[in-house]
């Protein structure tokens, strides 16, 4: 997640009101250290403020790890039934869709977890390098394409948020130096070098939308 992306969601959450979105389910959360150390702006701008309001947030991922509250696969109907027991009012679903093949099925499953009037906070890379986890389908939607994956909703907020480059988006100075060194050696894996060259100076961006469920399937 881009830092500007986290700030964007933070401001929109304040506008909606904390009490209207809790409890929240954070799907594809990754680990606690990822949110507090690798990309600390996720905690600082989104989940830290939610925690101070005593909002219940369940962090969900397909892989176990520190800070992951619930482990499971959204394609498993038994797991979906388990999640439905928490009566979530909102879903946070950031930068996951580009790693999925059956996007429409997953989006339908997410909508089933919240009531009419509930919210979905979703984002996806717009201008961003290839990053497999374990795959990257290169799904890079605009706001209309992203919103269209969810049926029976109304868009509340939508924007393509810009921020950072291949070098500046890295927190680690060592990683920044490795990127710069790598770009000085185009003869090593030239295909990857050309692909990353596009992101060396151009600004990253993410497509961010907030949707409210207005009808059940």
N, C-alpha and C. Protein backbone atom coordinates (compact mmCIF):
# COMPACT_ATOMS: atom_id res chain seq x y z
N UNK A 1 0.84 -1.19 0.00
CA UNK A 1 0.00 0.00 0.00
C UNK A 1 0.88 1.25 0.00
N UNK A 2 0.50 2.21 -0.82
CA UNK A 2 1.21 3.48 -0.83
C UNK A 2 0.84 4.28 0.42
N UNK A 3 1.78 5.11 0.89
CA UNK A 3 1.47 5.93 2.06
C UNK A 3 0.33 6.90 1.75
N UNK A 4 0.32 7.46 0.56
CA UNK A 4 -0.76 8.36 0.17
C UNK A 4 -2.10 7.64 0.12
N UNK A 5 -2.07 6.37 -0.22
CA UNK A 5 -3.26 5.53 -0.26
C UNK A 5 -3.81 5.35 1.16
N UNK A 6 -2.92 5.07 2.12
CA UNK A 6 -3.33 4.91 3.51
C UNK A 6 -3.93 6.21 4.05
N UNK A 7 -3.32 7.34 3.70
CA UNK A 7 -3.84 8.63 4.14
C UNK A 7 -5.24 8.89 3.55
N UNK A 8 -5.41 8.51 2.29
CA UNK A 8 -6.70 8.71 1.63
C UNK A 8 -7.80 7.93 2.35
N UNK A 9 -7.54 6.66 2.63
CA UNK A 9 -8.53 5.85 3.34
C UNK A 9 -8.80 6.40 4.74
N UNK A 10 -7.75 6.85 5.40
CA UNK A 10 -7.91 7.40 6.74
C UNK A 10 -8.88 8.57 6.77
N UNK A 11 -8.72 9.48 5.82
CA UNK A 11 -9.61 10.65 5.76
C UNK A 11 -11.04 10.26 5.43
N UNK A 12 -11.22 9.31 4.55
CA UNK A 12 -12.58 8.89 4.19
C UNK A 12 -13.25 8.16 5.36
N UNK A 13 -12.48 7.37 6.10
CA UNK A 13 -13.03 6.67 7.26
C UNK A 13 -13.53 7.67 8.29
N UNK A 14 -12.78 8.74 8.49
CA UNK A 14 -13.22 9.78 9.44
C UNK A 14 -14.53 10.41 8.98
N UNK A 15 -14.67 10.60 7.68
CA UNK A 15 -15.90 11.21 7.15
C UNK A 15 -17.10 10.30 7.37
N UNK A 16 -16.91 8.98 7.18
CA UNK A 16 -18.00 8.03 7.36
C UNK A 16 -18.34 7.86 8.84
N UNK A 17 -17.31 7.86 9.67
CA UNK A 17 -17.50 7.70 11.11
C UNK A 17 -17.13 6.31 11.57
N UNK A 18 -16.28 6.24 12.60
CA UNK A 18 -15.78 4.95 13.07
C UNK A 18 -16.90 4.00 13.49
N UNK A 19 -17.92 4.53 14.16
CA UNK A 19 -18.97 3.66 14.68
C UNK A 19 -19.78 3.00 13.57
N UNK A 20 -19.73 3.60 12.37
CA UNK A 20 -20.51 3.05 11.26
C UNK A 20 -19.81 1.91 10.52
N UNK A 21 -18.53 1.69 10.81
CA UNK A 21 -17.78 0.68 10.05
C UNK A 21 -17.27 -0.46 10.93
N UNK A 22 -17.58 -0.42 12.22
CA UNK A 22 -17.06 -1.44 13.13
C UNK A 22 -18.17 -2.38 13.58
N UNK A 23 -17.82 -3.66 13.68
CA UNK A 23 -16.51 -4.30 13.49
C UNK A 23 -16.12 -4.40 12.01
N UNK A 24 -14.81 -4.42 11.78
CA UNK A 24 -14.25 -4.46 10.42
C UNK A 24 -13.46 -5.75 10.22
N UNK A 25 -13.51 -6.25 8.98
CA UNK A 25 -12.71 -7.41 8.59
C UNK A 25 -11.67 -6.95 7.56
N UNK A 26 -10.41 -7.14 7.88
CA UNK A 26 -9.31 -6.76 6.99
C UNK A 26 -8.84 -8.01 6.24
N UNK A 27 -9.31 -8.16 5.01
CA UNK A 27 -9.02 -9.35 4.21
C UNK A 27 -7.68 -9.19 3.48
N UNK A 28 -6.85 -10.24 3.54
CA UNK A 28 -5.53 -10.18 2.91
C UNK A 28 -4.61 -9.25 3.67
N UNK A 29 -4.68 -9.33 4.98
CA UNK A 29 -4.02 -8.37 5.87
C UNK A 29 -2.50 -8.45 5.86
N UNK A 30 -1.97 -9.63 5.55
CA UNK A 30 -0.56 -9.92 5.80
C UNK A 30 -0.33 -9.89 7.31
N UNK A 31 0.92 -9.74 7.75
CA UNK A 31 1.23 -9.88 9.17
C UNK A 31 1.27 -8.54 9.90
N UNK A 32 1.32 -8.63 11.23
CA UNK A 32 1.47 -7.44 12.04
C UNK A 32 2.75 -6.68 11.72
N UNK A 33 3.92 -7.37 11.66
CA UNK A 33 5.15 -6.68 11.31
C UNK A 33 5.11 -5.99 9.94
N UNK A 34 4.38 -6.57 9.00
CA UNK A 34 4.25 -5.92 7.69
C UNK A 34 3.54 -4.57 7.85
N UNK A 35 2.50 -4.53 8.68
CA UNK A 35 1.72 -3.30 8.84
C UNK A 35 2.39 -2.27 9.74
N UNK A 36 3.28 -2.71 10.61
CA UNK A 36 3.89 -1.78 11.56
C UNK A 36 5.35 -1.46 11.25
N UNK A 37 6.02 -2.33 10.47
CA UNK A 37 7.44 -2.12 10.21
C UNK A 37 7.75 -1.93 8.73
N UNK A 38 7.28 -2.85 7.89
CA UNK A 38 7.57 -2.74 6.46
C UNK A 38 6.79 -1.60 5.81
N UNK A 39 5.53 -1.49 6.16
CA UNK A 39 4.70 -0.39 5.66
C UNK A 39 3.95 0.21 6.85
N UNK A 40 4.68 0.93 7.72
CA UNK A 40 4.09 1.39 8.99
C UNK A 40 2.93 2.36 8.83
N UNK A 41 2.83 3.00 7.66
CA UNK A 41 1.72 3.92 7.43
C UNK A 41 0.36 3.22 7.45
N UNK A 42 0.35 1.89 7.20
CA UNK A 42 -0.92 1.16 7.26
C UNK A 42 -1.47 1.20 8.68
N UNK A 43 -0.61 0.95 9.65
CA UNK A 43 -1.04 1.00 11.05
C UNK A 43 -1.23 2.45 11.50
N UNK A 44 -0.29 3.32 11.15
CA UNK A 44 -0.33 4.70 11.65
C UNK A 44 -1.59 5.44 11.20
N UNK A 45 -2.02 5.21 9.97
CA UNK A 45 -3.13 5.99 9.43
C UNK A 45 -4.47 5.27 9.45
N UNK A 46 -4.45 3.94 9.48
CA UNK A 46 -5.72 3.21 9.39
C UNK A 46 -6.03 2.43 10.66
N UNK A 47 -5.23 1.42 10.95
CA UNK A 47 -5.61 0.51 12.03
C UNK A 47 -5.24 1.01 13.42
N UNK A 48 -4.22 1.86 13.52
CA UNK A 48 -3.91 2.47 14.81
C UNK A 48 -5.05 3.34 15.30
N UNK A 49 -5.52 4.30 14.47
CA UNK A 49 -6.67 5.12 14.88
C UNK A 49 -7.92 4.30 15.17
N UNK A 50 -8.15 3.24 14.42
CA UNK A 50 -9.30 2.38 14.70
C UNK A 50 -9.15 1.72 16.07
N UNK A 51 -7.94 1.32 16.39
CA UNK A 51 -7.69 0.67 17.68
C UNK A 51 -7.96 1.63 18.84
N UNK A 52 -7.59 2.89 18.66
CA UNK A 52 -7.80 3.86 19.75
C UNK A 52 -9.28 4.11 20.01
N UNK A 53 -10.13 3.85 19.03
CA UNK A 53 -11.57 4.01 19.23
C UNK A 53 -12.21 2.72 19.73
N UNK A 54 -11.36 1.71 20.00
CA UNK A 54 -11.82 0.39 20.46
C UNK A 54 -12.66 -0.31 19.41
N UNK A 55 -12.41 0.02 18.15
CA UNK A 55 -13.07 -0.67 17.05
C UNK A 55 -12.49 -2.08 16.93
N UNK A 56 -13.34 -3.06 16.82
CA UNK A 56 -12.88 -4.44 16.63
C UNK A 56 -12.51 -4.64 15.16
N UNK A 57 -11.27 -5.03 14.92
CA UNK A 57 -10.80 -5.34 13.57
C UNK A 57 -10.20 -6.74 13.59
N UNK A 58 -10.67 -7.58 12.71
CA UNK A 58 -10.12 -8.92 12.57
C UNK A 58 -9.27 -8.96 11.30
N UNK A 59 -7.99 -9.28 11.47
CA UNK A 59 -7.07 -9.36 10.34
C UNK A 59 -7.07 -10.79 9.81
N UNK A 60 -7.39 -10.92 8.54
CA UNK A 60 -7.61 -12.24 7.92
C UNK A 60 -6.63 -12.44 6.77
N UNK A 61 -6.01 -13.60 6.74
CA UNK A 61 -5.10 -13.91 5.63
C UNK A 61 -5.14 -15.41 5.37
N UNK A 62 -4.70 -15.77 4.17
CA UNK A 62 -4.69 -17.19 3.80
C UNK A 62 -3.51 -17.92 4.44
N UNK A 63 -2.50 -17.13 4.89
CA UNK A 63 -1.32 -17.71 5.52
C UNK A 63 -1.24 -17.26 6.97
N UNK A 64 -0.89 -18.18 7.90
CA UNK A 64 -0.75 -17.79 9.30
C UNK A 64 0.49 -16.93 9.52
N UNK A 65 0.47 -16.12 10.55
CA UNK A 65 1.60 -15.27 10.87
C UNK A 65 1.27 -14.41 12.06
N UNK A 66 2.26 -13.76 12.66
CA UNK A 66 2.00 -12.88 13.80
C UNK A 66 1.09 -11.73 13.40
N UNK A 67 0.06 -11.51 14.19
CA UNK A 67 -0.88 -10.44 13.89
C UNK A 67 -2.04 -10.85 13.02
N UNK A 68 -2.03 -12.07 12.49
CA UNK A 68 -3.15 -12.60 11.70
C UNK A 68 -4.12 -13.25 12.67
N UNK A 69 -5.34 -12.73 12.74
CA UNK A 69 -6.33 -13.24 13.69
C UNK A 69 -7.04 -14.49 13.20
N UNK A 70 -7.34 -14.53 11.90
CA UNK A 70 -8.11 -15.63 11.33
C UNK A 70 -7.43 -16.07 10.04
N UNK A 71 -7.22 -17.36 9.89
CA UNK A 71 -6.56 -17.91 8.70
C UNK A 71 -7.58 -18.73 7.91
N UNK A 72 -7.67 -18.45 6.62
CA UNK A 72 -8.60 -19.22 5.80
C UNK A 72 -8.63 -18.75 4.37
N UNK A 73 -9.38 -19.50 3.56
CA UNK A 73 -9.48 -19.26 2.12
C UNK A 73 -10.91 -18.84 1.79
N UNK A 74 -11.06 -17.72 1.11
CA UNK A 74 -12.39 -17.22 0.78
C UNK A 74 -13.17 -18.13 -0.17
N UNK A 75 -12.49 -19.04 -0.82
CA UNK A 75 -13.18 -19.99 -1.71
C UNK A 75 -13.80 -21.14 -0.94
N UNK A 76 -13.52 -21.22 0.36
CA UNK A 76 -14.04 -22.28 1.23
C UNK A 76 -15.33 -21.78 1.87
N UNK A 77 -16.44 -22.41 1.53
CA UNK A 77 -17.74 -21.96 2.04
C UNK A 77 -17.83 -22.09 3.57
N UNK A 78 -17.15 -23.08 4.13
CA UNK A 78 -17.16 -23.22 5.59
C UNK A 78 -16.44 -22.05 6.24
N UNK A 79 -15.39 -21.59 5.61
CA UNK A 79 -14.67 -20.44 6.15
C UNK A 79 -15.52 -19.18 6.05
N UNK A 80 -16.23 -19.00 4.95
CA UNK A 80 -17.12 -17.85 4.81
C UNK A 80 -18.20 -17.86 5.88
N UNK A 81 -18.70 -19.04 6.18
CA UNK A 81 -19.73 -19.16 7.23
C UNK A 81 -19.14 -18.75 8.57
N UNK A 82 -17.90 -19.14 8.81
CA UNK A 82 -17.22 -18.76 10.06
C UNK A 82 -17.08 -17.24 10.16
N UNK A 83 -16.69 -16.60 9.07
CA UNK A 83 -16.52 -15.15 9.09
C UNK A 83 -17.85 -14.42 9.29
N UNK A 84 -18.92 -14.98 8.75
CA UNK A 84 -20.23 -14.33 8.85
C UNK A 84 -20.70 -14.23 10.30
N UNK A 85 -20.17 -15.08 11.16
CA UNK A 85 -20.58 -15.08 12.57
C UNK A 85 -20.11 -13.83 13.32
N UNK A 86 -19.15 -13.10 12.74
CA UNK A 86 -18.63 -11.90 13.40
C UNK A 86 -19.49 -10.66 13.16
N UNK A 87 -20.45 -10.76 12.24
CA UNK A 87 -21.36 -9.64 11.96
C UNK A 87 -20.60 -8.36 11.62
N UNK A 88 -19.68 -8.47 10.68
CA UNK A 88 -18.89 -7.31 10.27
C UNK A 88 -19.78 -6.26 9.61
N UNK A 89 -19.46 -4.97 9.88
CA UNK A 89 -20.13 -3.87 9.19
C UNK A 89 -19.34 -3.39 7.99
N UNK A 90 -18.06 -3.77 7.92
CA UNK A 90 -17.25 -3.31 6.79
C UNK A 90 -16.14 -4.30 6.49
N UNK A 91 -15.67 -4.22 5.25
CA UNK A 91 -14.55 -5.04 4.76
C UNK A 91 -13.47 -4.10 4.25
N UNK A 92 -12.24 -4.35 4.67
CA UNK A 92 -11.10 -3.63 4.11
C UNK A 92 -10.35 -4.63 3.24
N UNK A 93 -10.15 -4.27 1.97
CA UNK A 93 -9.64 -5.25 0.99
C UNK A 93 -8.68 -4.52 0.06
N UNK A 94 -7.43 -4.43 0.47
CA UNK A 94 -6.47 -3.58 -0.23
C UNK A 94 -5.38 -4.38 -0.93
N UNK A 95 -5.21 -4.09 -2.22
CA UNK A 95 -4.11 -4.64 -3.01
C UNK A 95 -4.04 -6.17 -2.97
N UNK A 96 -5.18 -6.77 -3.20
CA UNK A 96 -5.28 -8.24 -3.25
C UNK A 96 -5.77 -8.71 -4.62
N UNK A 97 -6.66 -7.95 -5.23
CA UNK A 97 -7.32 -8.40 -6.45
C UNK A 97 -6.36 -8.70 -7.59
N UNK A 98 -5.23 -7.99 -7.64
CA UNK A 98 -4.27 -8.24 -8.73
C UNK A 98 -3.60 -9.61 -8.60
N UNK A 99 -3.76 -10.24 -7.43
CA UNK A 99 -3.17 -11.56 -7.21
C UNK A 99 -4.18 -12.69 -7.38
N UNK A 100 -5.40 -12.35 -7.82
CA UNK A 100 -6.46 -13.34 -7.94
C UNK A 100 -6.89 -13.52 -9.38
N UNK A 101 -7.30 -14.72 -9.72
CA UNK A 101 -7.81 -15.02 -11.06
C UNK A 101 -9.34 -14.88 -11.07
N UNK A 102 -10.01 -15.47 -10.09
CA UNK A 102 -11.48 -15.44 -10.04
C UNK A 102 -11.93 -14.25 -9.17
N UNK A 103 -11.73 -13.07 -9.69
CA UNK A 103 -12.00 -11.86 -8.91
C UNK A 103 -13.49 -11.68 -8.59
N UNK A 104 -14.36 -11.95 -9.58
CA UNK A 104 -15.79 -11.72 -9.38
C UNK A 104 -16.34 -12.60 -8.27
N UNK A 105 -15.89 -13.85 -8.21
CA UNK A 105 -16.37 -14.78 -7.18
C UNK A 105 -15.96 -14.30 -5.80
N UNK A 106 -14.72 -13.84 -5.68
CA UNK A 106 -14.23 -13.35 -4.39
C UNK A 106 -15.01 -12.11 -3.96
N UNK A 107 -15.25 -11.20 -4.88
CA UNK A 107 -15.98 -9.97 -4.55
C UNK A 107 -17.40 -10.28 -4.10
N UNK A 108 -18.03 -11.26 -4.73
CA UNK A 108 -19.37 -11.68 -4.32
C UNK A 108 -19.34 -12.24 -2.90
N UNK A 109 -18.29 -13.01 -2.60
CA UNK A 109 -18.15 -13.59 -1.26
C UNK A 109 -17.98 -12.50 -0.21
N UNK A 110 -17.21 -11.47 -0.54
CA UNK A 110 -17.00 -10.38 0.41
C UNK A 110 -18.30 -9.67 0.72
N UNK A 111 -19.09 -9.42 -0.30
CA UNK A 111 -20.37 -8.73 -0.10
C UNK A 111 -21.30 -9.52 0.80
N UNK A 112 -21.18 -10.84 0.76
CA UNK A 112 -22.06 -11.68 1.58
C UNK A 112 -21.74 -11.56 3.07
N UNK A 113 -20.59 -10.98 3.39
CA UNK A 113 -20.17 -10.89 4.80
C UNK A 113 -20.69 -9.65 5.50
N UNK A 114 -21.25 -8.70 4.76
CA UNK A 114 -21.73 -7.47 5.38
C UNK A 114 -23.21 -7.26 5.09
N UNK A 115 -23.89 -6.53 5.97
CA UNK A 115 -25.33 -6.29 5.76
C UNK A 115 -25.55 -5.16 4.77
N UNK A 116 -26.79 -5.01 4.35
CA UNK A 116 -27.16 -3.83 3.56
C UNK A 116 -26.85 -2.60 4.41
N UNK A 117 -26.19 -1.63 3.82
CA UNK A 117 -25.74 -0.46 4.56
C UNK A 117 -24.28 -0.55 4.97
N UNK A 118 -23.69 -1.77 4.85
CA UNK A 118 -22.28 -1.96 5.19
C UNK A 118 -21.36 -1.40 4.12
N UNK A 119 -20.07 -1.36 4.44
CA UNK A 119 -19.10 -0.70 3.56
C UNK A 119 -17.98 -1.65 3.14
N UNK A 120 -17.47 -1.41 1.92
CA UNK A 120 -16.28 -2.10 1.44
C UNK A 120 -15.26 -1.05 1.02
N UNK A 121 -14.08 -1.15 1.63
CA UNK A 121 -12.95 -0.29 1.30
C UNK A 121 -12.00 -1.13 0.46
N UNK A 122 -11.83 -0.76 -0.80
CA UNK A 122 -11.04 -1.60 -1.69
C UNK A 122 -10.10 -0.76 -2.54
N UNK A 123 -8.89 -1.32 -2.76
CA UNK A 123 -7.93 -0.64 -3.62
C UNK A 123 -7.16 -1.66 -4.43
N UNK A 124 -6.55 -1.17 -5.50
CA UNK A 124 -5.78 -2.02 -6.40
C UNK A 124 -4.74 -1.14 -7.09
N UNK A 125 -3.58 -1.68 -7.41
CA UNK A 125 -2.60 -0.86 -8.14
C UNK A 125 -3.16 -0.35 -9.46
N UNK A 126 -2.81 0.87 -9.79
CA UNK A 126 -3.14 1.42 -11.11
C UNK A 126 -1.87 1.52 -11.95
N UNK A 127 -0.86 2.20 -11.41
CA UNK A 127 0.44 2.28 -12.07
C UNK A 127 1.47 1.77 -11.07
N UNK A 128 1.86 0.51 -11.25
CA UNK A 128 2.71 -0.15 -10.25
C UNK A 128 3.40 -1.35 -10.90
N UNK A 129 4.64 -1.67 -10.48
CA UNK A 129 5.37 -2.77 -11.12
C UNK A 129 4.75 -4.15 -10.86
N UNK A 130 5.16 -5.07 -11.65
CA UNK A 130 4.81 -6.49 -11.48
C UNK A 130 5.31 -6.95 -10.11
N UNK A 131 4.44 -7.58 -9.32
CA UNK A 131 4.84 -8.04 -7.98
C UNK A 131 4.05 -9.32 -7.64
N UNK A 132 4.58 -10.48 -8.00
CA UNK A 132 3.88 -11.74 -7.77
C UNK A 132 3.78 -12.10 -6.28
N UNK A 133 2.58 -12.58 -5.86
CA UNK A 133 2.38 -13.02 -4.48
C UNK A 133 1.22 -14.02 -4.41
N UNK A 134 1.28 -15.23 -4.91
CA UNK A 134 2.40 -15.77 -5.69
C UNK A 134 2.34 -15.40 -7.18
N UNK A 135 1.21 -14.79 -7.62
CA UNK A 135 1.09 -14.36 -9.01
C UNK A 135 0.71 -12.88 -9.03
N UNK A 136 0.87 -12.27 -10.17
CA UNK A 136 0.35 -10.93 -10.42
C UNK A 136 -0.27 -10.96 -11.80
N UNK A 137 -1.59 -10.82 -11.86
CA UNK A 137 -2.30 -10.88 -13.14
C UNK A 137 -2.18 -9.59 -13.93
N UNK A 138 -1.53 -8.58 -13.34
CA UNK A 138 -1.40 -7.24 -13.93
C UNK A 138 -2.76 -6.56 -14.08
N UNK A 139 -3.69 -6.93 -13.21
CA UNK A 139 -4.97 -6.24 -13.14
C UNK A 139 -4.71 -4.84 -12.59
N UNK A 140 -4.94 -3.82 -13.39
CA UNK A 140 -4.66 -2.43 -13.02
C UNK A 140 -5.87 -1.57 -13.39
N UNK A 141 -6.97 -1.69 -12.65
CA UNK A 141 -8.25 -1.08 -13.05
C UNK A 141 -8.32 0.42 -12.78
N UNK A 142 -9.23 1.09 -13.51
CA UNK A 142 -9.60 2.45 -13.14
C UNK A 142 -10.75 2.34 -12.14
N UNK A 143 -11.30 3.46 -11.69
CA UNK A 143 -12.31 3.42 -10.64
C UNK A 143 -13.59 2.71 -11.10
N UNK A 144 -13.96 2.86 -12.36
CA UNK A 144 -15.17 2.21 -12.86
C UNK A 144 -15.00 0.70 -12.96
N UNK A 145 -13.84 0.27 -13.43
CA UNK A 145 -13.57 -1.17 -13.55
C UNK A 145 -13.52 -1.83 -12.18
N UNK A 146 -12.95 -1.14 -11.21
CA UNK A 146 -12.87 -1.71 -9.87
C UNK A 146 -14.24 -1.77 -9.21
N UNK A 147 -15.00 -0.71 -9.32
CA UNK A 147 -16.34 -0.68 -8.72
C UNK A 147 -17.26 -1.71 -9.34
N UNK A 148 -17.08 -1.96 -10.65
CA UNK A 148 -17.97 -2.88 -11.37
C UNK A 148 -17.87 -4.32 -10.91
N UNK A 149 -16.81 -4.66 -10.19
CA UNK A 149 -16.66 -6.03 -9.68
C UNK A 149 -17.65 -6.33 -8.57
N UNK A 150 -18.21 -5.29 -7.98
CA UNK A 150 -19.12 -5.47 -6.85
C UNK A 150 -20.54 -5.09 -7.27
N UNK A 151 -21.48 -6.02 -7.06
CA UNK A 151 -22.87 -5.82 -7.48
C UNK A 151 -23.72 -5.40 -6.28
N UNK A 152 -24.72 -4.58 -6.54
CA UNK A 152 -25.63 -4.17 -5.49
C UNK A 152 -25.01 -3.17 -4.53
N UNK A 153 -24.15 -2.30 -5.04
CA UNK A 153 -23.50 -1.29 -4.20
C UNK A 153 -23.64 0.08 -4.85
N UNK A 154 -23.37 1.11 -4.05
CA UNK A 154 -23.26 2.46 -4.61
C UNK A 154 -21.89 3.02 -4.22
N UNK A 155 -21.18 3.63 -5.17
CA UNK A 155 -19.88 4.22 -4.86
C UNK A 155 -20.07 5.49 -4.02
N UNK A 156 -19.30 5.59 -2.95
CA UNK A 156 -19.32 6.78 -2.10
C UNK A 156 -18.13 7.69 -2.39
N UNK A 157 -16.96 7.07 -2.54
CA UNK A 157 -15.73 7.79 -2.84
C UNK A 157 -14.94 6.98 -3.84
N UNK A 158 -14.28 7.64 -4.77
CA UNK A 158 -13.44 6.95 -5.76
C UNK A 158 -12.38 7.91 -6.28
N UNK A 159 -11.15 7.43 -6.31
CA UNK A 159 -10.07 8.29 -6.76
C UNK A 159 -8.84 7.45 -7.11
N UNK A 160 -8.10 7.91 -8.10
CA UNK A 160 -6.78 7.33 -8.37
C UNK A 160 -5.77 8.18 -7.59
N UNK A 161 -5.15 7.55 -6.59
CA UNK A 161 -4.27 8.24 -5.66
C UNK A 161 -2.82 8.01 -6.07
N UNK A 162 -2.06 9.09 -6.20
CA UNK A 162 -0.66 9.00 -6.61
C UNK A 162 0.28 9.13 -5.43
N UNK A 163 1.48 8.51 -5.57
CA UNK A 163 2.46 8.68 -4.50
C UNK A 163 3.65 7.75 -4.62
N UNK A 164 4.87 8.33 -4.60
CA UNK A 164 6.08 7.53 -4.57
C UNK A 164 6.53 7.02 -5.92
N UNK A 165 7.77 6.55 -5.99
CA UNK A 165 8.34 5.91 -7.18
C UNK A 165 9.01 4.62 -6.76
N UNK A 166 9.60 3.94 -7.70
CA UNK A 166 10.28 2.67 -7.43
C UNK A 166 11.31 2.83 -6.32
N UNK A 167 11.99 3.97 -6.28
CA UNK A 167 13.03 4.19 -5.27
C UNK A 167 12.45 4.78 -3.99
N UNK A 168 11.66 5.84 -4.11
CA UNK A 168 11.22 6.55 -2.91
C UNK A 168 10.18 5.78 -2.11
N UNK A 169 9.52 4.82 -2.73
CA UNK A 169 8.50 4.07 -2.00
C UNK A 169 9.11 3.06 -1.03
N UNK A 170 10.41 2.80 -1.16
CA UNK A 170 11.10 1.88 -0.26
C UNK A 170 11.49 2.58 1.03
N UNK A 171 11.14 1.97 2.17
CA UNK A 171 11.53 2.52 3.46
C UNK A 171 13.01 2.30 3.74
N UNK A 172 13.51 1.15 3.34
CA UNK A 172 14.89 0.77 3.65
C UNK A 172 15.88 1.46 2.71
N UNK A 173 16.89 2.12 3.32
CA UNK A 173 17.94 2.75 2.53
C UNK A 173 18.72 1.70 1.75
N UNK A 174 18.96 0.55 2.39
CA UNK A 174 19.70 -0.53 1.73
C UNK A 174 18.97 -1.00 0.47
N UNK A 175 17.63 -1.13 0.56
CA UNK A 175 16.86 -1.56 -0.60
C UNK A 175 16.88 -0.50 -1.70
N UNK A 176 16.86 0.76 -1.29
CA UNK A 176 16.94 1.83 -2.29
C UNK A 176 18.26 1.76 -3.05
N UNK A 177 19.34 1.51 -2.32
CA UNK A 177 20.65 1.42 -2.95
C UNK A 177 20.73 0.22 -3.89
N UNK A 178 20.10 -0.89 -3.49
CA UNK A 178 20.10 -2.08 -4.36
C UNK A 178 19.34 -1.81 -5.65
N UNK A 179 18.23 -1.08 -5.54
CA UNK A 179 17.46 -0.75 -6.74
C UNK A 179 18.28 0.11 -7.69
N UNK A 180 18.93 1.11 -7.13
CA UNK A 180 19.75 2.01 -7.95
C UNK A 180 20.89 1.23 -8.61
N UNK A 181 21.54 0.37 -7.83
CA UNK A 181 22.64 -0.44 -8.37
C UNK A 181 22.14 -1.36 -9.47
N UNK A 182 20.97 -1.95 -9.25
CA UNK A 182 20.40 -2.86 -10.25
C UNK A 182 20.12 -2.12 -11.56
N UNK A 183 19.63 -0.88 -11.48
CA UNK A 183 19.29 -0.13 -12.67
C UNK A 183 20.54 0.30 -13.46
N UNK A 184 21.70 0.16 -12.85
CA UNK A 184 22.96 0.47 -13.54
C UNK A 184 23.52 -0.74 -14.28
N UNK A 185 22.77 -1.87 -14.21
CA UNK A 185 23.24 -3.10 -14.86
C UNK A 185 22.15 -3.68 -15.76
N UNK A 186 21.86 -3.03 -16.87
CA UNK A 186 20.76 -3.47 -17.74
C UNK A 186 21.00 -4.82 -18.40
N UNK A 187 22.24 -5.28 -18.41
CA UNK A 187 22.56 -6.55 -19.07
C UNK A 187 22.12 -7.76 -18.24
N UNK A 188 21.77 -7.56 -16.98
CA UNK A 188 21.27 -8.65 -16.14
C UNK A 188 19.74 -8.66 -16.22
N UNK A 189 19.21 -9.75 -16.76
CA UNK A 189 17.75 -9.88 -16.96
C UNK A 189 17.20 -8.61 -17.61
N UNK A 190 17.57 -8.35 -18.85
CA UNK A 190 17.18 -7.09 -19.51
C UNK A 190 15.68 -6.85 -19.57
N UNK A 191 14.89 -7.94 -19.66
CA UNK A 191 13.43 -7.76 -19.72
C UNK A 191 12.92 -7.09 -18.44
N UNK A 192 13.39 -7.59 -17.28
CA UNK A 192 12.99 -7.00 -16.00
C UNK A 192 13.50 -5.57 -15.88
N UNK A 193 14.70 -5.34 -16.41
CA UNK A 193 15.30 -4.01 -16.31
C UNK A 193 14.44 -2.99 -17.07
N UNK A 194 14.02 -3.35 -18.27
CA UNK A 194 13.19 -2.44 -19.07
C UNK A 194 11.85 -2.19 -18.37
N UNK A 195 11.28 -3.25 -17.80
CA UNK A 195 9.99 -3.11 -17.12
C UNK A 195 10.11 -2.17 -15.92
N UNK A 196 11.17 -2.31 -15.14
CA UNK A 196 11.34 -1.46 -13.96
C UNK A 196 11.74 -0.04 -14.32
N UNK A 197 12.35 0.14 -15.50
CA UNK A 197 12.75 1.49 -15.91
C UNK A 197 11.55 2.42 -15.99
N UNK A 198 10.39 1.87 -16.36
CA UNK A 198 9.18 2.67 -16.46
C UNK A 198 8.74 3.25 -15.12
N UNK A 199 9.19 2.61 -14.03
CA UNK A 199 8.74 3.03 -12.70
C UNK A 199 9.84 3.74 -11.91
N UNK A 200 11.00 3.93 -12.54
CA UNK A 200 12.11 4.54 -11.82
C UNK A 200 11.81 6.00 -11.48
N UNK A 201 11.23 6.73 -12.40
CA UNK A 201 10.94 8.14 -12.19
C UNK A 201 9.45 8.46 -12.19
N UNK A 202 8.65 7.59 -12.81
CA UNK A 202 7.22 7.84 -12.87
C UNK A 202 6.55 7.52 -11.53
N UNK A 203 5.56 8.30 -11.18
CA UNK A 203 4.89 8.15 -9.90
C UNK A 203 3.97 6.94 -9.88
N UNK A 204 4.04 6.17 -8.79
CA UNK A 204 3.10 5.09 -8.57
C UNK A 204 1.69 5.66 -8.38
N UNK A 205 0.69 4.82 -8.59
CA UNK A 205 -0.68 5.22 -8.26
C UNK A 205 -1.51 3.99 -7.92
N UNK A 206 -2.56 4.21 -7.17
CA UNK A 206 -3.48 3.15 -6.78
C UNK A 206 -4.91 3.62 -6.99
N UNK A 207 -5.76 2.70 -7.42
CA UNK A 207 -7.18 2.99 -7.57
C UNK A 207 -7.88 2.64 -6.26
N UNK A 208 -8.54 3.63 -5.69
CA UNK A 208 -9.18 3.46 -4.38
C UNK A 208 -10.67 3.76 -4.49
N UNK A 209 -11.50 2.88 -3.97
CA UNK A 209 -12.95 3.13 -3.95
C UNK A 209 -13.52 2.70 -2.61
N UNK A 210 -14.58 3.37 -2.21
CA UNK A 210 -15.34 2.99 -1.03
C UNK A 210 -16.78 2.83 -1.48
N UNK A 211 -17.33 1.65 -1.23
CA UNK A 211 -18.65 1.29 -1.70
C UNK A 211 -19.56 0.96 -0.53
N UNK A 212 -20.83 1.27 -0.69
CA UNK A 212 -21.82 0.91 0.33
C UNK A 212 -22.81 -0.08 -0.26
N UNK A 213 -23.05 -1.16 0.44
CA UNK A 213 -23.97 -2.19 -0.03
C UNK A 213 -25.40 -1.66 0.11
N UNK A 214 -26.15 -1.72 -0.99
CA UNK A 214 -27.51 -1.20 -0.97
C UNK A 214 -28.58 -2.26 -1.21
N UNK A 215 -28.13 -3.47 -1.60
CA UNK A 215 -29.09 -4.55 -1.77
C UNK A 215 -28.39 -5.89 -1.67
N UNK A 216 -29.13 -6.89 -1.26
CA UNK A 216 -28.61 -8.25 -1.18
C UNK A 216 -28.78 -8.93 -2.53
N UNK A 217 -27.93 -9.92 -2.84
CA UNK A 217 -28.05 -10.64 -4.13
C UNK A 217 -29.42 -11.28 -4.27
